[in-house]
Amino acid sequence: MSLVLSDISLSRGGRFLLSGVNLSLYPGELLIVLGPNGAGKSTLLKLFSGEISPDKGLVLLDGIPLSEYDSEDLALRRSVLSQESEIHFPFIADEIVRMGRSCSKLRVPKPLEDRIVEEGFHSVRLGERERFQIYNKLSGGEKQRTQMARVLVQDKEPSQRESYVLLDEPGASLDPNRIHSLLEKAKQLSKEGRGVLCILHDLNLALRYADRIAVLKEGKILADGVPENILDEEFVLEHFLLRTKKVPFPEGGHYLIPLGPAEPNKINGLPYIIDAKGVKENVHR
């Protein structure tokens, strides 16, 4: 059981967005995808979800090409939180969340649907005021949590399948408390047997929550594995141009203290930093 990108390449306007990408998502894990801006992270998620198709390679859902599933079967197998969630009609938040149940194969008696929707709002800490507000009048963070509630209700009754949850920067517009709450929910979903993929920019959140990370840069996978083994000071400096100090975290694991940006220039093909005396120094692997 897995959701797989196999030797995926995709180009637009003569430029490769992804090239030779191999990446798998397994039930029971939280996979966090990291990478600089423009690395291809959202494109990767759109391929996983079936929103777009690759120029080369296969997207496989439990061993079957994603293209062979119809939209209703996909609704039974995966849910998606996109980075953009613009709605151009005056729906209330309750209606947006119920869209997660609109697939005919997910229909249940009205009282059960009402309970599922109510639990969805409760899970993301939205109350009656937000639930029955016009969606476009909500704050950015409230919209994001409404969309997360939609994702959560899609993955309820009937619970007869493994499922995959795809989250594209779910922490956008959220304050720190809400970001951690949402990622704890994502972690809980993985422990319940879902395969959860989450795109983030925050390296420390990845260290805190991910079972596995994949680092994408210029359309290629640089690293795929345990966060502690990948996110060290030299790796972050070379690929994220950020100087850090890795220190023990009180609850276990480590934390990267940001010390400042590295210069995006290079000496001998490697990024360099400028120390306190103004001396340029190469970044070495």
Protein backbone atom coordinates (compact mmCIF):
# COMPACT_ATOMS: atom_id res chain seq x y z
CA MET A 1 0.00 0.00 0.00
CA SER A 2 1.56 3.28 -1.04
CA LEU A 3 1.17 6.43 -3.10
CA VAL A 4 4.16 6.62 -5.45
CA LEU A 5 5.80 9.01 -7.88
CA SER A 6 7.93 6.83 -10.14
CA ASP A 7 10.59 8.52 -12.32
CA ILE A 8 8.42 11.63 -12.69
CA SER A 9 9.38 14.53 -14.94
CA LEU A 10 7.30 17.58 -15.78
CA SER A 11 8.13 20.72 -17.73
CA ARG A 12 6.31 23.94 -18.52
CA GLY A 13 7.40 26.61 -20.97
CA GLY A 14 10.59 24.74 -21.77
CA ARG A 15 11.65 24.58 -18.09
CA PHE A 16 11.72 21.43 -15.98
CA LEU A 17 9.60 21.79 -12.85
CA LEU A 18 10.42 18.25 -11.73
CA SER A 19 13.03 15.89 -13.12
CA GLY A 20 13.51 12.19 -12.39
CA VAL A 21 11.58 12.32 -9.11
CA ASN A 22 10.99 9.11 -7.16
CA LEU A 23 9.06 9.48 -3.92
CA SER A 24 6.66 7.26 -1.98
CA LEU A 25 4.12 7.93 0.77
CA TYR A 26 3.14 5.04 3.03
CA PRO A 27 0.16 4.58 5.37
CA GLY A 28 1.11 5.27 8.96
CA GLU A 29 3.72 7.98 8.33
CA LEU A 30 3.92 11.76 8.28
CA LEU A 31 6.17 12.76 5.38
CA ILE A 32 7.15 16.43 5.30
CA VAL A 33 8.46 17.90 2.04
CA LEU A 34 10.89 20.80 2.39
CA GLY A 35 12.68 22.96 -0.12
CA PRO A 36 13.49 26.53 -1.14
CA ASN A 37 10.89 28.68 -2.92
CA GLY A 38 10.36 27.50 -6.47
CA ALA A 39 11.72 24.01 -5.77
CA GLY A 40 8.60 22.32 -7.17
CA LYS A 41 6.90 21.32 -3.91
CA SER A 42 3.33 22.34 -4.83
CA THR A 43 3.76 20.78 -8.27
CA LEU A 44 4.81 17.54 -6.59
CA LEU A 45 1.69 17.57 -4.41
CA LYS A 46 -0.55 18.23 -7.43
CA LEU A 47 0.93 15.15 -9.09
CA PHE A 48 0.32 13.06 -5.98
CA SER A 49 -3.31 14.26 -5.86
CA GLY A 50 -4.00 13.72 -9.57
CA GLU A 51 -4.70 17.39 -10.24
CA ILE A 52 -2.05 17.34 -12.98
CA SER A 53 -0.33 14.56 -14.93
CA PRO A 54 3.41 14.09 -15.55
CA ASP A 55 5.13 14.30 -18.92
CA LYS A 56 7.08 11.18 -18.01
CA GLY A 57 6.75 8.52 -15.34
CA LEU A 58 3.86 7.10 -13.32
CA VAL A 59 1.81 8.08 -10.31
CA LEU A 60 0.65 4.88 -8.58
CA LEU A 61 -2.01 4.60 -5.90
CA ASP A 62 -1.75 1.23 -4.19
CA GLY A 63 -0.07 -0.20 -7.28
CA ILE A 64 -2.60 1.13 -9.81
CA PRO A 65 -1.95 4.18 -12.03
CA LEU A 66 -3.75 7.19 -10.60
CA SER A 67 -5.23 7.89 -14.04
CA GLU A 68 -7.28 4.67 -13.80
CA TYR A 69 -9.27 5.90 -10.80
CA ASP A 70 -12.39 7.96 -11.35
CA SER A 71 -12.98 11.07 -9.25
CA GLU A 72 -15.32 9.31 -6.81
CA ASP A 73 -12.87 6.47 -6.18
CA LEU A 74 -10.13 9.04 -5.56
CA ALA A 75 -12.37 10.80 -3.04
CA LEU A 76 -12.47 7.53 -1.10
CA ARG A 77 -8.69 7.22 -1.10
CA ARG A 78 -7.18 10.66 -0.65
CA SER A 79 -8.01 14.17 0.53
CA VAL A 80 -6.23 17.40 -0.39
CA LEU A 81 -5.64 20.77 1.24
CA SER A 82 -4.36 23.11 -1.48
CA GLN A 83 -2.21 26.17 -0.87
CA GLU A 84 -4.85 28.41 -2.45
CA SER A 85 -8.47 28.22 -1.36
CA GLU A 86 -10.26 31.09 -3.09
CA ILE A 87 -14.05 30.70 -3.26
CA HIS A 88 -15.97 33.04 -5.58
CA PHE A 89 -19.48 32.30 -4.31
CA PRO A 90 -21.09 33.28 -0.98
CA PHE A 91 -20.92 29.83 0.63
CA ILE A 92 -20.91 29.64 4.40
CA ALA A 93 -18.09 27.71 6.07
CA ASP A 94 -20.45 24.83 6.93
CA GLU A 95 -21.18 24.34 3.22
CA ILE A 96 -17.47 24.37 2.37
CA VAL A 97 -16.79 21.62 4.91
CA ARG A 98 -19.72 19.54 3.66
CA MET A 99 -18.13 19.58 0.20
CA GLY A 100 -15.73 17.03 1.63
CA ARG A 101 -18.73 14.68 1.82
CA SER A 102 -20.19 15.48 -1.63
CA CYS A 103 -18.97 12.28 -3.30
CA SER A 104 -21.93 9.88 -3.69
CA LYS A 105 -19.85 7.02 -2.24
CA LEU A 106 -19.36 9.03 0.96
CA ARG A 107 -23.02 9.82 1.54
CA VAL A 108 -24.43 8.80 4.90
CA PRO A 109 -27.72 9.56 6.70
CA LYS A 110 -28.16 13.28 7.42
CA PRO A 111 -27.84 12.97 11.23
CA LEU A 112 -24.52 11.14 10.86
CA GLU A 113 -23.26 13.72 8.34
CA ASP A 114 -24.23 16.52 10.73
CA ARG A 115 -22.25 14.86 13.52
CA ILE A 116 -19.22 14.32 11.28
CA VAL A 117 -19.26 17.99 10.18
CA GLU A 118 -19.67 19.22 13.75
CA GLU A 119 -16.72 17.08 14.84
CA GLY A 120 -14.68 18.47 11.93
CA PHE A 121 -15.19 22.05 13.09
CA HIS A 122 -14.46 21.05 16.69
CA SER A 123 -11.21 19.34 15.61
CA VAL A 124 -9.86 22.59 14.15
CA ARG A 125 -11.21 24.71 17.01
CA LEU A 126 -13.80 26.66 15.06
CA GLY A 127 -17.11 27.48 16.75
CA GLU A 128 -20.64 28.30 15.71
CA ARG A 129 -19.74 31.88 14.73
CA GLU A 130 -17.15 30.74 12.18
CA ARG A 131 -19.15 27.70 11.06
CA PHE A 132 -22.13 29.75 9.88
CA GLN A 133 -20.17 32.76 8.61
CA ILE A 134 -19.76 33.56 4.90
CA TYR A 135 -16.47 31.85 4.03
CA ASN A 136 -14.95 34.89 2.31
CA LYS A 137 -15.56 36.99 5.44
CA LEU A 138 -13.38 34.71 7.56
CA SER A 139 -9.77 35.59 8.34
CA GLY A 140 -6.97 33.85 6.46
CA GLY A 141 -6.32 31.53 9.38
CA GLU A 142 -10.03 30.71 9.79
CA LYS A 143 -10.27 29.89 6.09
CA GLN A 144 -7.28 27.57 6.39
CA ARG A 145 -8.81 25.77 9.36
CA THR A 146 -12.15 25.49 7.53
CA GLN A 147 -10.36 23.81 4.64
CA MET A 148 -8.63 21.48 7.10
CA ALA A 149 -12.03 20.56 8.54
CA ARG A 150 -13.17 19.72 4.99
CA VAL A 151 -10.19 17.38 4.65
CA LEU A 152 -10.95 15.72 7.98
CA VAL A 153 -14.62 15.04 7.26
CA GLN A 154 -13.76 13.46 3.91
CA ASP A 155 -11.81 10.79 5.75
CA LYS A 156 -14.65 9.61 8.00
CA GLU A 157 -17.48 7.12 7.42
CA PRO A 158 -17.45 4.80 5.60
CA SER A 159 -13.99 3.91 6.91
CA GLN A 160 -13.27 0.95 4.66
CA ARG A 161 -9.98 1.96 3.06
CA GLU A 162 -6.48 3.14 3.65
CA SER A 163 -6.30 6.86 2.93
CA TYR A 164 -3.77 9.51 2.02
CA VAL A 165 -3.93 13.10 3.21
CA LEU A 166 -2.06 15.76 1.20
CA LEU A 167 -1.47 19.15 2.83
CA ASP A 168 0.12 22.05 0.94
CA GLU A 169 1.52 24.56 3.46
CA PRO A 170 -1.31 24.07 5.95
CA GLY A 171 0.29 26.52 8.39
CA ALA A 172 -0.10 29.50 6.07
CA SER A 173 -1.89 32.38 7.84
CA LEU A 174 -1.92 30.52 11.18
CA ASP A 175 -0.44 31.74 14.44
CA PRO A 176 2.13 29.44 16.17
CA ASN A 177 -0.44 27.84 18.46
CA ARG A 178 -2.68 26.90 15.54
CA ILE A 179 0.23 25.63 13.43
CA HIS A 180 1.27 23.20 16.16
CA SER A 181 -2.34 22.16 16.73
CA LEU A 182 -2.78 21.40 13.04
CA LEU A 183 0.46 19.43 12.82
CA GLU A 184 -0.49 17.44 15.91
CA LYS A 185 -3.72 16.59 14.08
CA ALA A 186 -1.70 15.53 11.03
CA LYS A 187 0.50 13.37 13.27
CA GLN A 188 -2.59 11.81 14.82
CA LEU A 189 -3.96 10.98 11.36
CA SER A 190 -0.73 9.18 10.50
CA LYS A 191 -0.85 7.20 13.74
CA GLU A 192 -4.39 6.14 12.83
CA GLY A 193 -3.04 4.61 9.62
CA ARG A 194 -3.20 7.42 7.05
CA GLY A 195 -0.27 8.35 4.90
CA VAL A 196 0.10 12.11 5.43
CA LEU A 197 2.22 14.33 3.18
CA CYS A 198 2.72 17.90 4.33
CA ILE A 199 4.61 20.70 2.57
CA LEU A 200 6.32 23.09 4.98
CA HIS A 201 9.01 25.77 5.02
CA ASP A 202 9.84 25.61 8.73
CA LEU A 203 12.79 23.26 9.31
CA ASN A 204 12.17 23.04 13.05
CA LEU A 205 8.56 21.98 12.57
CA ALA A 206 9.86 19.22 10.30
CA LEU A 207 12.33 18.13 12.99
CA ARG A 208 9.54 18.18 15.56
CA TYR A 209 6.79 16.29 13.71
CA ALA A 210 8.03 14.40 10.65
CA ASP A 211 8.61 10.67 10.58
CA ARG A 212 10.43 11.25 7.31
CA ILE A 213 11.41 14.26 5.23
CA ALA A 214 12.10 14.72 1.55
CA VAL A 215 14.09 17.78 0.46
CA LEU A 216 13.34 19.12 -3.00
CA LYS A 217 15.55 21.61 -4.82
CA GLU A 218 15.40 22.74 -8.45
CA GLY A 219 12.92 19.97 -9.22
CA LYS A 220 15.00 17.11 -7.86
CA ILE A 221 14.99 15.13 -4.62
CA LEU A 222 18.16 15.99 -2.68
CA ALA A 223 17.49 13.84 0.36
CA ASP A 224 14.87 11.44 1.66
CA GLY A 225 15.05 10.01 5.17
CA VAL A 226 14.99 10.62 8.91
CA PRO A 227 14.96 14.38 9.67
CA GLU A 228 17.67 14.16 12.36
CA ASN A 229 20.03 12.50 9.90
CA ILE A 230 19.53 15.09 7.14
CA LEU A 231 18.96 18.51 8.70
CA ASP A 232 22.39 19.32 10.06
CA GLU A 233 24.10 22.70 9.99
CA GLU A 234 26.10 22.10 6.81
CA PHE A 235 23.17 20.73 4.82
CA VAL A 236 20.96 23.68 5.80
CA LEU A 237 23.71 26.17 5.01
CA GLU A 238 24.42 24.71 1.58
CA HIS A 239 20.86 24.14 0.40
CA PHE A 240 18.83 26.73 2.32
CA LEU A 241 21.57 29.41 2.60
CA LEU A 242 20.88 29.74 6.30
CA ARG A 243 23.45 29.67 9.10
CA THR A 244 22.21 27.66 12.08
CA LYS A 245 23.33 26.07 15.33
CA LYS A 246 21.88 22.64 16.08
CA VAL A 247 21.15 22.20 19.78
CA PRO A 248 19.32 19.55 21.87
CA PHE A 249 15.58 20.10 22.27
CA PRO A 250 14.27 19.78 25.86
CA GLU A 251 11.64 17.18 24.88
CA GLY A 252 14.08 15.14 22.80
CA GLY A 253 15.65 15.53 19.39
CA HIS A 254 17.26 18.75 18.20
CA TYR A 255 16.41 22.31 17.24
CA LEU A 256 18.08 24.56 14.67
CA ILE A 257 18.74 28.06 16.01
CA PRO A 258 18.85 30.44 13.00
CA LEU A 259 21.94 32.67 13.03
CA GLY A 260 21.38 34.58 9.80
CA PRO A 261 21.44 34.20 6.02
CA ALA A 262 24.41 33.10 3.96
CA GLU A 263 25.40 35.05 0.88
CA PRO A 264 23.83 33.50 -2.24
CA ASN A 265 27.14 33.90 -4.08
CA LYS A 266 29.60 31.08 -4.52
CA ILE A 267 33.33 30.44 -4.30
CA ASN A 268 34.62 27.37 -6.12
CA GLY A 269 31.04 26.38 -6.84
CA LEU A 270 29.95 26.40 -3.18
CA PRO A 271 27.93 28.96 -1.18
CA TYR A 272 29.96 31.18 1.08
CA ILE A 273 29.24 33.06 4.27
CA ILE A 274 30.74 36.24 5.67
CA ASP A 275 31.94 35.96 9.26
CA ALA A 276 31.99 38.73 11.86
CA LYS A 277 35.35 40.01 10.52
CA GLY A 278 34.06 40.23 6.97
CA VAL A 279 36.03 37.18 5.81
CA LYS A 280 34.40 35.04 3.15
CA GLU A 281 34.42 31.33 3.88
CA ASN A 282 33.27 28.38 1.75
CA VAL A 283 30.55 26.03 2.91
CA HIS A 284 31.97 22.50 2.90
CA ARG A 285 29.94 19.33 2.87
